[in-house]
C-alpha atoms as a PDB file:
ATOM      1  CA  MET A   1      -1.885 -15.945 -12.601  1.00  0.00           C
ATOM      2  CA  LYS A   2       0.881 -18.341 -11.421  1.00  0.00           C
ATOM      3  CA  LEU A   3       4.082 -18.260 -12.833  1.00  0.00           C
ATOM      4  CA  LYS A   4       5.829 -21.168 -14.648  1.00  0.00           C
ATOM      5  CA  LYS A   5       9.689 -20.179 -15.150  1.00  0.00           C
ATOM      6  CA  VAL A   6      11.609 -17.056 -15.146  1.00  0.00           C
ATOM      7  CA  THR A   7      15.334 -16.921 -16.756  1.00  0.00           C
ATOM      8  CA  ILE A   8      17.443 -14.234 -17.083  1.00  0.00           C
ATOM      9  CA  ASN A   9      18.498 -12.847 -20.612  1.00  0.00           C
ATOM     10  CA  ASN A  10      21.784 -10.931 -19.777  1.00  0.00           C
ATOM     11  CA  ARG A  11      21.948  -9.725 -23.545  1.00  0.00           C
ATOM     12  CA  LYS A  12      18.590  -8.104 -23.585  1.00  0.00           C
ATOM     13  CA  LYS A  13      18.991  -6.811 -19.685  1.00  0.00           C
ATOM     14  CA  THR A  14      15.681  -8.664 -19.062  1.00  0.00           C
ATOM     15  CA  PHE A  15      13.507 -11.469 -17.210  1.00  0.00           C
ATOM     16  CA  GLU A  16      12.206 -13.539 -19.280  1.00  0.00           C
ATOM     17  CA  ILE A  17       8.649 -14.729 -17.284  1.00  0.00           C
ATOM     18  CA  ALA A  18       6.427 -17.854 -18.117  1.00  0.00           C
ATOM     19  CA  ALA A  19       3.054 -17.069 -16.784  1.00  0.00           C
ATOM     20  CA  GLY A  20      -0.079 -19.200 -18.292  1.00  0.00           C
ATOM     21  CA  LYS A  21       0.297 -19.602 -21.998  1.00  0.00           C
ATOM     22  CA  ILE A  22       2.012 -16.327 -22.354  1.00  0.00           C
ATOM     23  CA  ASN A  23       5.270 -15.086 -22.176  1.00  0.00           C
ATOM     24  CA  TYR A  24       6.554 -11.725 -20.981  1.00  0.00           C
ATOM     25  CA  SER A  25       9.692  -9.975 -20.482  1.00  0.00           C
ATOM     26  CA  PHE A  26      10.146  -7.466 -17.646  1.00  0.00           C
ATOM     27  CA  PRO A  27      13.398  -5.162 -17.838  1.00  0.00           C
ATOM     28  CA  PHE A  28      16.295  -4.813 -15.066  1.00  0.00           C
ATOM     29  CA  SER A  29      15.844  -1.170 -15.380  1.00  0.00           C
ATOM     30  CA  LYS A  30      12.272  -1.353 -13.710  1.00  0.00           C
ATOM     31  CA  LEU A  31      14.011  -3.095 -10.745  1.00  0.00           C
ATOM     32  CA  LYS A  32      14.175  -1.688  -7.218  1.00  0.00           C
ATOM     33  CA  ILE A  33      17.459  -2.876  -6.734  1.00  0.00           C
ATOM     34  CA  GLN A  34      19.487  -2.621 -10.217  1.00  0.00           C
ATOM     35  CA  PRO A  35      22.312  -4.949 -10.930  1.00  0.00           C
ATOM     36  CA  THR A  36      25.397  -4.038 -12.042  1.00  0.00           C
ATOM     37  CA  ASN A  37      28.647  -5.205 -13.862  1.00  0.00           C
ATOM     38  CA  ASP A  38      30.155  -5.570 -10.730  1.00  0.00           C
ATOM     39  CA  ASN A  39      26.936  -7.004  -8.696  1.00  0.00           C
ATOM     40  CA  GLY A  40      25.037  -9.212 -11.536  1.00  0.00           C
ATOM     41  CA  ILE A  41      21.991 -11.589 -10.564  1.00  0.00           C
ATOM     42  CA  VAL A  42      23.675 -14.721  -9.430  1.00  0.00           C
ATOM     43  CA  LYS A  43      19.753 -16.455  -8.814  1.00  0.00           C
ATOM     44  CA  VAL A  44      16.521 -16.172 -10.212  1.00  0.00           C
ATOM     45  CA  PHE A  45      13.405 -17.923  -9.067  1.00  0.00           C
ATOM     46  CA  VAL A  46       9.532 -18.792  -9.266  1.00  0.00           C
ATOM     47  CA  ASP A  47       8.739 -17.465  -5.400  1.00  0.00           C
ATOM     48  CA  LYS A  48       7.052 -19.951  -3.736  1.00  0.00           C
ATOM     49  CA  GLU A  49       6.318 -17.525  -0.547  1.00  0.00           C
ATOM     50  CA  VAL A  50       4.237 -15.292  -2.426  1.00  0.00           C
ATOM     51  CA  ALA A  51       1.990 -18.498  -4.249  1.00  0.00           C
ATOM     52  CA  SER A  52       4.298 -18.524  -7.423  1.00  0.00           C
ATOM     53  CA  GLU A  53       2.535 -15.237  -8.179  1.00  0.00           C
ATOM     54  CA  GLY A  54       5.671 -13.606  -8.174  1.00  0.00           C
ATOM     55  CA  PHE A  55       9.650 -14.098  -8.723  1.00  0.00           C
ATOM     56  CA  THR A  56      12.656 -13.205  -6.713  1.00  0.00           C
ATOM     57  CA  TYR A  57      16.107 -12.405  -7.690  1.00  0.00           C
ATOM     58  CA  ILE A  58      19.273 -12.373  -5.532  1.00  0.00           C
ATOM     59  CA  LEU A  59      22.462  -9.977  -6.759  1.00  0.00           C
ATOM     60  CA  LYS A  60      25.789 -10.942  -5.687  1.00  0.00           C
ATOM     61  CA  SER A  61      26.260  -8.914  -2.871  1.00  0.00           C
ATOM     62  CA  GLY A  62      23.212 -10.796  -1.782  1.00  0.00           C
ATOM     63  CA  ASP A  63      20.615  -8.139  -1.603  1.00  0.00           C
ATOM     64  CA  GLU A  64      17.189  -9.731  -2.864  1.00  0.00           C
ATOM     65  CA  ASP A  65      13.632  -8.286  -3.978  1.00  0.00           C
ATOM     66  CA  THR A  66      10.942 -10.043  -4.884  1.00  0.00           C
ATOM     67  CA  ILE A  67       8.833  -8.940  -8.253  1.00  0.00           C
ATOM     68  CA  LEU A  68       5.148  -9.460  -8.475  1.00  0.00           C
ATOM     69  CA  ILE A  69       3.431 -10.864 -11.683  1.00  0.00           C
ATOM     70  CA  ASP A  70       1.120  -7.647 -11.421  1.00  0.00           C
ATOM     71  CA  GLN A  71       4.239  -5.649 -11.373  1.00  0.00           C
ATOM     72  CA  VAL A  72       4.959  -8.028 -14.968  1.00  0.00           C
ATOM     73  CA  LEU A  73       1.605  -7.318 -16.001  1.00  0.00           C
ATOM     74  CA  GLU A  74       1.162  -3.795 -16.065  1.00  0.00           C
ATOM     75  CA  TYR A  75       4.700  -3.204 -17.360  1.00  0.00           C
ATOM     76  CA  ASN A  76       3.450  -5.039 -20.578  1.00  0.00           C
ATOM     77  CA  LYS A  77      -0.042  -3.315 -20.705  1.00  0.00           C
ATOM     78  CA  ASP A  78      -2.105  -6.858 -20.463  1.00  0.00           C
ATOM     79  CA  PRO A  79      -5.275  -5.973 -21.417  1.00  0.00           C
ATOM     80  CA  GLU A  80      -7.089  -8.954 -19.182  1.00  0.00           C
ATOM     81  CA  TYR A  81      -4.825  -6.966 -16.259  1.00  0.00           C
ATOM     82  CA  LEU A  82      -5.955  -3.188 -17.667  1.00  0.00           C
ATOM     83  CA  ARG A  83      -9.397  -4.101 -17.574  1.00  0.00           C
ATOM     84  CA  HIS A  84      -9.490  -5.817 -14.178  1.00  0.00           C
ATOM     85  CA  GLN A  85      -7.899  -2.257 -13.060  1.00  0.00           C
ATOM     86  CA  LEU A  86     -10.511  -0.477 -14.551  1.00  0.00           C
ATOM     87  CA  LEU A  87     -13.146  -2.292 -13.334  1.00  0.00           C
ATOM     88  CA  PHE A  88     -11.685  -2.032  -9.674  1.00  0.00           C
ATOM     89  CA  LYS A  89     -11.290   1.955  -9.801  1.00  0.00           C
ATOM     90  CA  LEU A  90     -15.265   1.796 -11.702  1.00  0.00           C
ATOM     91  CA  THR A  91     -15.803   0.076  -8.282  1.00  0.00           C
ATOM     92  CA  LEU A  92     -14.329   1.921  -5.603  1.00  0.00           C
ATOM     93  CA  LYS A  93     -15.859   5.095  -7.377  1.00  0.00           C
ATOM     94  CA  ALA A  94     -19.517   3.311  -7.219  1.00  0.00           C
ATOM     95  CA  LYS A  95     -19.387   3.179  -3.676  1.00  0.00           C
ATOM     96  CA  ALA A  96     -17.965   5.945  -2.760  1.00  0.00           C
ATOM     97  CA  LYS A  97     -20.836   7.738  -4.482  1.00  0.00           C
ATOM     98  CA  LEU A  98     -23.417   5.469  -3.107  1.00  0.00           C
ATOM     99  CA  GLU A  99     -22.405   6.854   0.234  1.00  0.00           C
ATOM    100  CA  GLU A 100     -21.877  10.421  -0.945  1.00  0.00           C
ATOM    101  CA  VAL A 101     -25.391  10.609  -2.631  1.00  0.00           C
ATOM    102  CA  GLY A 102     -27.584   8.809   0.140  1.00  0.00           C
ATOM    103  CA  ILE A 103     -29.894   7.394  -2.370  1.00  0.00           C
ATOM    104  CA  ALA A 104     -31.219   3.692  -1.185  1.00  0.00           C
ATOM    105  CA  LYS A 105     -29.927   0.640  -2.353  1.00  0.00           C
ATOM    106  CA  ARG A 106     -33.334  -0.155  -3.447  1.00  0.00           C
ATOM    107  CA  GLU A 107     -33.957   2.757  -5.451  1.00  0.00           C
ATOM    108  CA  VAL A 108     -30.726   2.018  -7.509  1.00  0.00           C
ATOM    109  CA  MET A 109     -31.607  -1.470  -7.986  1.00  0.00           C
ATOM    110  CA  ARG A 110     -34.998  -0.133  -9.151  1.00  0.00           C
ATOM    111  CA  ARG A 111     -33.415   2.313 -11.002  1.00  0.00           C
ATOM    112  CA  MET A 112     -30.901  -0.232 -13.016  1.00  0.00           C
ATOM    113  CA  GLY A 113     -33.829  -2.981 -12.891  1.00  0.00           C
ATOM    114  CA  THR A 114     -31.718  -5.689 -11.471  1.00  0.00           C
ATOM    115  CA  THR A 115     -31.590  -7.770  -8.691  1.00  0.00           C
ATOM    116  CA  PRO A 116     -30.128  -7.442  -4.739  1.00  0.00           C
ATOM    117  CA  THR A 117     -27.715 -10.326  -5.756  1.00  0.00           C
ATOM    118  CA  GLN A 118     -26.823  -8.750  -8.947  1.00  0.00           C
ATOM    119  CA  PHE A 119     -26.649  -4.971  -7.153  1.00  0.00           C
ATOM    120  CA  TYR A 120     -24.440  -6.595  -4.213  1.00  0.00           C
ATOM    121  CA  ARG A 121     -22.105  -8.319  -6.627  1.00  0.00           C
ATOM    122  CA  LEU A 122     -21.177  -5.181  -8.860  1.00  0.00           C
ATOM    123  CA  LEU A 123     -20.363  -3.862  -5.899  1.00  0.00           C
ATOM    124  CA  ASP A 124     -18.200  -6.685  -4.720  1.00  0.00           C
ATOM    125  CA  GLN A 125     -14.222  -5.469  -5.826  1.00  0.00           C
ATOM    126  CA  ALA A 126     -12.716  -9.018  -6.128  1.00  0.00           C
ATOM    127  CA  ASN A 127     -15.686  -9.834  -8.763  1.00  0.00           C
ATOM    128  CA  THR A 128     -13.731  -9.572 -12.096  1.00  0.00           C
ATOM    129  CA  HIS A 129     -17.009 -11.491 -13.941  1.00  0.00           C
ATOM    130  CA  LYS A 130     -18.867  -8.145 -14.226  1.00  0.00           C
ATOM    131  CA  THR A 131     -18.362  -5.634 -17.155  1.00  0.00           C
ATOM    132  CA  ILE A 132     -17.616  -2.204 -17.793  1.00  0.00           C
ATOM    133  CA  ASP A 133     -21.122  -1.367 -19.216  1.00  0.00           C
ATOM    134  CA  GLN A 134     -22.672  -2.682 -15.742  1.00  0.00           C
ATOM    135  CA  MET A 135     -20.301  -0.690 -13.800  1.00  0.00           C
ATOM    136  CA  VAL A 136     -21.555   2.571 -16.173  1.00  0.00           C
ATOM    137  CA  ARG A 137     -25.101   1.326 -15.957  1.00  0.00           C
ATOM    138  CA  LEU A 138     -24.736   1.462 -11.874  1.00  0.00           C
ATOM    139  CA  LEU A 139     -22.921   4.756 -12.155  1.00  0.00           C
ATOM    140  CA  SER A 140     -25.479   6.345 -14.056  1.00  0.00           C
ATOM    141  CA  ALA A 141     -28.300   5.007 -11.393  1.00  0.00           C
ATOM    142  CA  LEU A 142     -26.099   6.685  -8.838  1.00  0.00           C
ATOM    143  CA  ASP A 143     -26.043  10.276 -11.457  1.00  0.00           C
ATOM    144  CA  CYS A 144     -23.030  10.135 -12.013  1.00  0.00           C
ATOM    145  CA  SER A 145     -21.724  10.445 -15.409  1.00  0.00           C
ATOM    146  CA  VAL A 146     -18.557   8.694 -17.019  1.00  0.00           C
ATOM    147  CA  ASP A 147     -16.442  10.217 -19.329  1.00  0.00           C
ATOM    148  CA  VAL A 148     -13.359   8.223 -20.734  1.00  0.00           C
ATOM    149  CA  THR A 149      -9.953  10.051 -21.398  1.00  0.00           C
ATOM    150  CA  PHE A 150      -7.445   8.840 -23.320  1.00  0.00           C
ATOM    151  CA  SER A 151      -3.796  10.388 -22.505  1.00  0.00           C
ATOM    152  CA  ASN A 152      -0.070   9.310 -23.697  1.00  0.00           C
ATOM    153  CA  LYS A 153       1.618   8.023 -20.559  1.00  0.00           C
ATOM    154  CA  ALA A 154       5.207   8.563 -19.968  1.00  0.00           C
ATOM    155  CA  ALA A 155       7.201   5.736 -19.411  1.00  0.00           C
END
């Protein structure tokens, strides 16, 4: 996701980020190098060096840091980003389980009732067009049960 614009909101102590059709905020408190009253932010810009997928801020002292869109999406708990993260974790688990159980790939495809092309798409970590349902089916074919747990995360 490309960033369109980033501005500073000193009153709220946040960055206001425009990405796609959605606006996000990112608080100064989450920064690695935090601004102070004596060492404030003098410049912030969408960074072309990270393909406009992040922004860089520069403090009065000359210190600078880059914040990537993934950090902003994670902080704002963007549902699409969280879905992609879950699919990524399920894919890694499926790949590890495939090596661990020693079942032939053809047997897994037969259990799933799928084609080799679809099977390899499910194992592709970069493929974000698969569904969680498909990944559960794959893990089930690998004799792996999937349980969902809910937890309250500390901020």
